[in-house]
């Protein structure tokens, strides 16, 4: 199910034990991706087009990436994938209000490895509210496995392009545009300190933080203080938060 789905599954398990909520969803597995590649005979096409070209040439890389993505986007999802996804969607949508929507998120098999990190190289799509749009987003996520940056990174790190598979996470969205959201690191990425939690937060959807579109608030929390039920915040910086990403009907 890829790194992201696997982590969400573990989180769901532990959250249930603690009576905490996590937005529900379902996963489209790497087997579905492999079936899609085989049924549309994309494996040989991708292998041949990449083998013939000089991927160090930026212009050539652009043409190759565009050709592969176009080929994937013009391919068809199988009837079995569409039916399985539709059933899961309707089960997820049951007993929810009319504003229900999901995020269609990439979950590649090679995201965070000891010697390489593919995280953030593939696309995710927000505010999807019907089965047809989900199917389009699935194709777009598959195509994003061959962005120019992803192709170049795999080539530079000697990864076989046909050995990286894509799973997909389809997860209910939270209306954080009505409040605030953010990103939390359970270890300080800059210093490597394992006793620190770093939280970046801003108004609206968290995508604005992920894309670097906003200067967010920043909080540093000390884990030992949390364990002792003491005030854990040891530093906080207020960002200007001049932009806010919200839901729209489009």
Protein backbone atom coordinates (compact mmCIF):
# COMPACT_ATOMS: atom_id res chain seq x y z
CA UNK A 1 0.00 0.00 0.00
CA UNK A 2 3.01 2.33 -0.06
CA UNK A 3 4.64 4.28 2.74
CA UNK A 4 1.90 6.85 3.35
CA UNK A 5 -0.94 4.30 3.51
CA UNK A 6 1.09 2.01 5.77
CA UNK A 7 1.80 4.86 8.20
CA UNK A 8 -1.86 5.94 8.19
CA UNK A 9 -2.90 2.36 8.90
CA UNK A 10 -0.60 2.19 11.93
CA UNK A 11 -1.83 5.58 13.09
CA UNK A 12 -5.46 4.47 12.74
CA UNK A 13 -4.74 1.38 14.86
CA UNK A 14 -3.15 3.38 17.67
CA UNK A 15 -5.72 6.20 17.47
CA UNK A 16 -8.56 3.71 17.92
CA UNK A 17 -6.92 2.46 21.11
CA UNK A 18 -6.79 6.05 22.41
CA UNK A 19 -10.31 6.98 21.19
CA UNK A 20 -8.86 9.63 18.86
CA UNK A 21 -10.27 10.43 15.43
CA UNK A 22 -8.52 10.06 12.09
CA UNK A 23 -10.29 10.88 8.81
CA UNK A 24 -11.41 7.56 7.27
CA UNK A 25 -10.46 6.39 3.81
CA UNK A 26 -9.38 3.47 1.67
CA UNK A 27 -6.32 2.39 -0.28
CA UNK A 28 -5.81 1.43 -3.90
CA UNK A 29 -2.92 -1.04 -3.76
CA UNK A 30 0.24 -1.36 -5.82
CA UNK A 31 -1.30 -4.48 -7.38
CA UNK A 32 -3.95 -2.24 -8.95
CA UNK A 33 -1.17 -0.03 -10.34
CA UNK A 34 0.70 -3.02 -11.76
CA UNK A 35 -2.51 -4.32 -13.36
CA UNK A 36 -3.10 -0.87 -14.87
CA UNK A 37 0.43 -0.80 -16.33
CA UNK A 38 0.11 -4.33 -17.76
CA UNK A 39 -3.42 -3.96 -19.15
CA UNK A 40 -2.47 -0.79 -21.01
CA UNK A 41 0.93 -2.21 -22.09
CA UNK A 42 2.72 0.77 -20.59
CA UNK A 43 5.74 -1.02 -19.11
CA UNK A 44 7.49 -1.72 -22.41
CA UNK A 45 6.57 1.72 -23.78
CA UNK A 46 8.06 3.50 -20.76
CA UNK A 47 11.17 1.31 -20.72
CA UNK A 48 11.86 1.84 -24.42
CA UNK A 49 11.33 5.60 -24.45
CA UNK A 50 13.57 6.10 -21.40
CA UNK A 51 16.30 3.82 -22.72
CA UNK A 52 16.67 5.69 -26.01
CA UNK A 53 17.07 9.19 -24.59
CA UNK A 54 19.72 11.22 -22.76
CA UNK A 55 17.98 12.05 -19.49
CA UNK A 56 20.73 14.50 -18.53
CA UNK A 57 19.49 16.83 -21.27
CA UNK A 58 16.81 19.04 -19.66
CA UNK A 59 14.94 19.68 -22.91
CA UNK A 60 14.91 16.00 -23.78
CA UNK A 61 13.82 15.11 -20.24
CA UNK A 62 10.90 17.54 -20.57
CA UNK A 63 9.74 15.95 -23.84
CA UNK A 64 10.08 12.40 -22.46
CA UNK A 65 8.24 13.17 -19.22
CA UNK A 66 5.43 14.90 -21.06
CA UNK A 67 5.06 11.96 -23.49
CA UNK A 68 4.88 9.36 -20.71
CA UNK A 69 2.38 11.37 -18.65
CA UNK A 70 0.20 11.95 -21.71
CA UNK A 71 0.24 8.22 -22.49
CA UNK A 72 -0.79 7.34 -18.92
CA UNK A 73 -3.55 9.96 -18.80
CA UNK A 74 -5.02 8.65 -22.06
CA UNK A 75 -5.07 5.05 -20.74
CA UNK A 76 -8.05 3.34 -19.12
CA UNK A 77 -8.62 2.06 -15.61
CA UNK A 78 -9.94 -1.50 -15.65
CA UNK A 79 -13.57 -2.26 -14.89
CA UNK A 80 -12.57 -4.13 -11.71
CA UNK A 81 -10.60 -1.13 -10.36
CA UNK A 82 -13.46 1.26 -11.13
CA UNK A 83 -16.03 -1.02 -9.50
CA UNK A 84 -13.92 -1.64 -6.38
CA UNK A 85 -13.20 2.07 -5.98
CA UNK A 86 -16.88 2.97 -6.47
CA UNK A 87 -17.98 0.49 -3.77
CA UNK A 88 -15.35 1.82 -1.34
CA UNK A 89 -16.37 5.41 -2.15
CA UNK A 90 -20.06 4.79 -1.46
CA UNK A 91 -19.23 2.97 1.79
CA UNK A 92 -17.09 5.92 2.84
CA UNK A 93 -19.72 8.49 1.85
CA UNK A 94 -22.52 6.74 3.72
CA UNK A 95 -23.99 8.75 6.61
CA UNK A 96 -22.11 11.93 5.73
CA UNK A 97 -23.33 15.37 4.72
CA UNK A 98 -23.53 16.72 1.17
CA UNK A 99 -20.26 18.64 1.46
CA UNK A 100 -18.30 15.38 1.79
CA UNK A 101 -15.11 15.29 -0.27
CA UNK A 102 -11.82 13.40 -0.32
CA UNK A 103 -8.15 13.87 -1.05
CA UNK A 104 -6.64 11.48 -3.59
CA UNK A 105 -3.07 11.09 -2.32
CA UNK A 106 0.00 9.37 -3.74
CA UNK A 107 1.59 6.59 -1.68
CA UNK A 108 4.60 5.27 -3.57
CA UNK A 109 6.57 2.18 -2.53
CA UNK A 110 9.78 4.23 -2.44
CA UNK A 111 9.10 7.41 -0.47
CA UNK A 112 11.50 7.48 2.47
CA UNK A 113 14.47 5.13 2.14
CA UNK A 114 17.79 5.12 4.06
CA UNK A 115 19.71 6.33 1.00
CA UNK A 116 17.04 8.29 -0.88
CA UNK A 117 13.82 10.22 -0.32
CA UNK A 118 11.05 10.36 -2.93
CA UNK A 119 8.59 12.11 -0.62
CA UNK A 120 6.83 15.07 -2.22
CA UNK A 121 7.75 14.10 -5.78
CA UNK A 122 4.32 12.72 -6.67
CA UNK A 123 1.03 14.61 -6.75
CA UNK A 124 -2.06 14.62 -4.55
CA UNK A 125 -5.46 16.08 -5.45
CA UNK A 126 -7.86 17.76 -3.03
CA UNK A 127 -11.61 18.34 -2.69
CA UNK A 128 -12.76 15.47 -4.94
CA UNK A 129 -16.48 14.84 -4.54
CA UNK A 130 -17.60 12.14 -7.02
CA UNK A 131 -16.47 8.81 -8.46
CA UNK A 132 -15.68 10.12 -11.96
CA UNK A 133 -13.37 12.79 -10.53
CA UNK A 134 -11.71 10.16 -8.33
CA UNK A 135 -10.95 8.04 -11.41
CA UNK A 136 -9.43 11.06 -13.18
CA UNK A 137 -7.36 11.86 -10.10
CA UNK A 138 -6.13 8.24 -9.91
CA UNK A 139 -4.78 8.53 -13.47
CA UNK A 140 -3.17 11.87 -12.62
CA UNK A 141 -1.46 10.39 -9.55
CA UNK A 142 -0.19 7.47 -11.65
CA UNK A 143 1.11 9.96 -14.23
CA UNK A 144 2.88 11.97 -11.52
CA UNK A 145 5.22 9.01 -10.99
CA UNK A 146 6.86 10.32 -14.17
CA UNK A 147 7.22 14.02 -13.52
CA UNK A 148 10.49 15.39 -14.87
CA UNK A 149 11.83 15.72 -11.33
CA UNK A 150 10.88 12.14 -10.37
CA UNK A 151 12.44 10.68 -13.54
CA UNK A 152 15.65 12.65 -13.02
CA UNK A 153 15.89 11.72 -9.32
CA UNK A 154 15.45 7.98 -9.99
CA UNK A 155 17.96 8.13 -12.82
CA UNK A 156 20.50 9.97 -10.66
CA UNK A 157 20.09 7.42 -7.83
CA UNK A 158 20.12 4.37 -10.13
CA UNK A 159 16.56 3.24 -9.40
CA UNK A 160 14.79 1.12 -12.02
CA UNK A 161 11.80 3.19 -13.22
CA UNK A 162 9.66 0.07 -13.63
CA UNK A 163 10.37 -1.17 -10.10
CA UNK A 164 8.69 1.77 -8.33
CA UNK A 165 4.97 1.17 -7.85
CA UNK A 166 2.22 3.55 -6.84
CA UNK A 167 -0.50 2.93 -4.29
CA UNK A 168 -3.14 5.58 -3.67
CA UNK A 169 -4.78 6.86 -0.49
CA UNK A 170 -8.34 8.15 -0.83
CA UNK A 171 -9.13 9.90 2.44
CA UNK A 172 -11.94 12.10 3.70
CA UNK A 173 -10.99 15.77 3.88
CA UNK A 174 -11.38 17.80 7.05
CA UNK A 175 -12.86 21.30 6.68
CA UNK A 176 -9.70 22.93 7.96
CA UNK A 177 -10.43 25.89 5.67
CA UNK A 178 -12.95 26.89 8.36
CA UNK A 179 -10.20 26.91 10.97
CA UNK A 180 -6.48 26.12 10.74
CA UNK A 181 -4.16 23.24 9.93
CA UNK A 182 -0.50 22.43 9.75
CA UNK A 183 2.41 20.03 9.62
CA UNK A 184 3.99 18.33 12.62
CA UNK A 185 7.47 16.78 12.77
CA UNK A 186 8.02 14.35 15.66
CA UNK A 187 11.77 15.02 15.44
CA UNK A 188 13.44 18.36 14.78
CA UNK A 189 14.56 17.93 11.16
CA UNK A 190 17.20 20.67 11.37
CA UNK A 191 19.04 19.60 14.53
CA UNK A 192 18.02 15.95 14.59
CA UNK A 193 16.97 16.34 18.24
CA UNK A 194 14.56 13.51 19.09
CA UNK A 195 13.17 15.29 22.15
CA UNK A 196 11.61 18.08 20.09
CA UNK A 197 8.30 18.25 18.21
CA UNK A 198 8.05 21.00 15.58
CA UNK A 199 4.62 22.26 14.46
CA UNK A 200 4.02 24.66 11.56
CA UNK A 201 0.46 25.98 11.36
CA UNK A 202 -1.60 28.49 9.42
CA UNK A 203 -5.20 29.38 8.59
CA UNK A 204 -7.04 27.23 6.04
CA UNK A 205 -5.88 24.08 4.27
CA UNK A 206 -2.44 22.72 5.11
CA UNK A 207 -1.51 22.50 1.43
CA UNK A 208 -0.39 26.14 1.51
CA UNK A 209 2.28 25.17 4.09
CA UNK A 210 3.33 22.05 2.18
CA UNK A 211 3.78 24.09 -1.01
CA UNK A 212 5.66 26.86 0.79
CA UNK A 213 3.04 29.47 -0.12
CA UNK A 214 2.71 30.93 3.37
CA UNK A 215 4.95 31.94 6.27
CA UNK A 216 3.30 29.90 9.09
CA UNK A 217 3.37 30.04 12.88
CA UNK A 218 6.02 27.76 14.37
CA UNK A 219 6.00 25.94 17.70
CA UNK A 220 8.70 23.84 19.39
CA UNK A 221 7.50 21.35 22.01
CA UNK A 222 9.71 19.45 24.48
CA UNK A 223 8.65 15.78 24.72
CA UNK A 224 9.87 15.15 28.31
CA UNK A 225 7.62 18.01 29.49
CA UNK A 226 4.66 16.48 27.67
CA UNK A 227 5.24 13.16 29.41
CA UNK A 228 5.21 14.93 32.80
CA UNK A 229 2.06 16.94 31.91
CA UNK A 230 4.01 20.18 32.12
CA UNK A 231 3.88 23.14 29.71
CA UNK A 232 5.83 21.77 26.70
CA UNK A 233 6.20 24.86 24.47
CA UNK A 234 9.80 26.07 24.62
CA UNK A 235 9.73 28.37 21.59
CA UNK A 236 7.16 29.91 19.28
CA UNK A 237 7.42 32.21 16.27
CA UNK A 238 4.46 33.98 14.71
CA UNK A 239 4.32 33.96 10.90
CA UNK A 240 2.58 36.64 8.85
CA UNK A 241 0.12 34.10 7.32
CA UNK A 242 -0.81 36.47 4.49
CA UNK A 243 -2.54 33.80 2.37
CA UNK A 244 -5.22 31.22 3.14
CA UNK A 245 -6.24 28.23 1.00
CA UNK A 246 -9.94 27.31 1.09
CA UNK A 247 -12.42 24.91 -0.53
CA UNK A 248 -14.23 26.02 -3.71
CA UNK A 249 -16.85 24.36 -5.89
CA UNK A 250 -14.33 24.32 -8.75
